[in-house]
């Protein structure tokens, strides 16, 4: 994922879009983990950025569920 997702941008997305984006980020994170265990990661900061984006998406999903 190129840019950091903002929570207010995520609020405008549908539930299905958020779930799709979350799945994509989790796939990206698992690929990074695979690279971590097989060699050297070029951009180690991506782990924390992806995890934060996943957390933001889950927060928005929880907020939408409560409404």
C-alpha atoms as a PDB file:
ATOM      1  CA  UNK A   1       0.000   0.000   0.000  1.00  0.00           C
ATOM      2  CA  UNK A   2       1.493   3.261  -1.114  1.00  0.00           C
ATOM      3  CA  UNK A   3       0.002   5.839   1.178  1.00  0.00           C
ATOM      4  CA  UNK A   4      -1.063   5.813   4.779  1.00  0.00           C
ATOM      5  CA  UNK A   5      -4.822   5.501   5.147  1.00  0.00           C
ATOM      6  CA  UNK A   6      -6.567   8.166   7.177  1.00  0.00           C
ATOM      7  CA  UNK A   7      -9.459   7.150   9.414  1.00  0.00           C
ATOM      8  CA  UNK A   8     -11.720   9.837   7.969  1.00  0.00           C
ATOM      9  CA  UNK A   9     -11.038   8.521   4.447  1.00  0.00           C
ATOM     10  CA  UNK A  10     -11.911   5.028   5.601  1.00  0.00           C
ATOM     11  CA  UNK A  11     -15.255   6.168   7.020  1.00  0.00           C
ATOM     12  CA  UNK A  12     -16.479   6.905   3.488  1.00  0.00           C
ATOM     13  CA  UNK A  13     -15.836   3.354   2.270  1.00  0.00           C
ATOM     14  CA  UNK A  14     -18.425   0.599   2.320  1.00  0.00           C
ATOM     15  CA  UNK A  15     -18.103  -2.352   4.671  1.00  0.00           C
ATOM     16  CA  UNK A  16     -17.145  -4.668   1.794  1.00  0.00           C
ATOM     17  CA  UNK A  17     -14.466  -2.237   0.572  1.00  0.00           C
ATOM     18  CA  UNK A  18     -13.008  -2.121   4.066  1.00  0.00           C
ATOM     19  CA  UNK A  19     -12.979  -5.920   4.308  1.00  0.00           C
ATOM     20  CA  UNK A  20     -11.282  -6.167   0.903  1.00  0.00           C
ATOM     21  CA  UNK A  21      -8.676  -3.586   1.903  1.00  0.00           C
ATOM     22  CA  UNK A  22      -8.048  -5.425   5.185  1.00  0.00           C
ATOM     23  CA  UNK A  23      -7.538  -8.721   3.332  1.00  0.00           C
ATOM     24  CA  UNK A  24      -5.106  -7.073   0.921  1.00  0.00           C
ATOM     25  CA  UNK A  25      -3.100  -5.593   3.799  1.00  0.00           C
ATOM     26  CA  UNK A  26      -2.984  -8.923   5.625  1.00  0.00           C
ATOM     27  CA  UNK A  27      -1.738 -10.630   2.457  1.00  0.00           C
ATOM     28  CA  UNK A  28       0.932  -7.956   2.097  1.00  0.00           C
ATOM     29  CA  UNK A  29       1.956  -8.428   5.736  1.00  0.00           C
ATOM     30  CA  UNK A  30       2.251 -12.194   5.320  1.00  0.00           C
ATOM     31  CA  UNK A  31       4.447 -11.702   2.239  1.00  0.00           C
ATOM     32  CA  UNK A  32       6.674  -9.358   4.232  1.00  0.00           C
ATOM     33  CA  UNK A  33       6.907 -11.940   7.009  1.00  0.00           C
ATOM     34  CA  UNK A  34       7.906 -14.575   4.472  1.00  0.00           C
ATOM     35  CA  UNK A  35      10.694 -12.308   3.222  1.00  0.00           C
ATOM     36  CA  UNK A  36      11.742 -11.646   6.818  1.00  0.00           C
ATOM     37  CA  UNK A  37      12.269 -15.337   7.522  1.00  0.00           C
ATOM     38  CA  UNK A  38      13.944 -16.133   4.212  1.00  0.00           C
ATOM     39  CA  UNK A  39      16.272 -13.175   3.978  1.00  0.00           C
ATOM     40  CA  UNK A  40      16.601  -9.509   4.557  1.00  0.00           C
ATOM     41  CA  UNK A  41      13.724  -7.036   4.447  1.00  0.00           C
ATOM     42  CA  UNK A  42      14.420  -3.873   2.453  1.00  0.00           C
ATOM     43  CA  UNK A  43      11.827  -1.739   4.231  1.00  0.00           C
ATOM     44  CA  UNK A  44      11.342  -2.975   7.811  1.00  0.00           C
ATOM     45  CA  UNK A  45       9.237   0.079   8.689  1.00  0.00           C
ATOM     46  CA  UNK A  46       6.466  -1.330   6.481  1.00  0.00           C
ATOM     47  CA  UNK A  47       5.541  -3.863   9.188  1.00  0.00           C
ATOM     48  CA  UNK A  48       4.363  -1.168  11.582  1.00  0.00           C
ATOM     49  CA  UNK A  49       2.685   0.903   8.854  1.00  0.00           C
ATOM     50  CA  UNK A  50       0.661  -2.050   7.591  1.00  0.00           C
ATOM     51  CA  UNK A  51      -0.305  -3.105  11.115  1.00  0.00           C
ATOM     52  CA  UNK A  52      -1.510   0.432  11.864  1.00  0.00           C
ATOM     53  CA  UNK A  53      -3.592   0.526   8.689  1.00  0.00           C
ATOM     54  CA  UNK A  54      -5.152  -2.829   9.589  1.00  0.00           C
ATOM     55  CA  UNK A  55      -5.966  -1.503  13.066  1.00  0.00           C
ATOM     56  CA  UNK A  56      -7.547   1.642  11.588  1.00  0.00           C
ATOM     57  CA  UNK A  57      -9.720  -0.457   9.285  1.00  0.00           C
ATOM     58  CA  UNK A  58     -10.805  -2.712  12.149  1.00  0.00           C
ATOM     59  CA  UNK A  59     -11.670   0.340  14.251  1.00  0.00           C
ATOM     60  CA  UNK A  60     -13.837   1.798  11.486  1.00  0.00           C
ATOM     61  CA  UNK A  61     -15.509  -1.583  10.955  1.00  0.00           C
ATOM     62  CA  UNK A  62     -16.319  -1.769  14.671  1.00  0.00           C
ATOM     63  CA  UNK A  63     -17.730   1.758  14.621  1.00  0.00           C
ATOM     64  CA  UNK A  64     -19.940   0.918  11.660  1.00  0.00           C
ATOM     65  CA  UNK A  65     -21.130  -2.264  13.376  1.00  0.00           C
ATOM     66  CA  UNK A  66     -22.236  -0.320  16.455  1.00  0.00           C
ATOM     67  CA  UNK A  67     -24.394   2.072  14.417  1.00  0.00           C
END
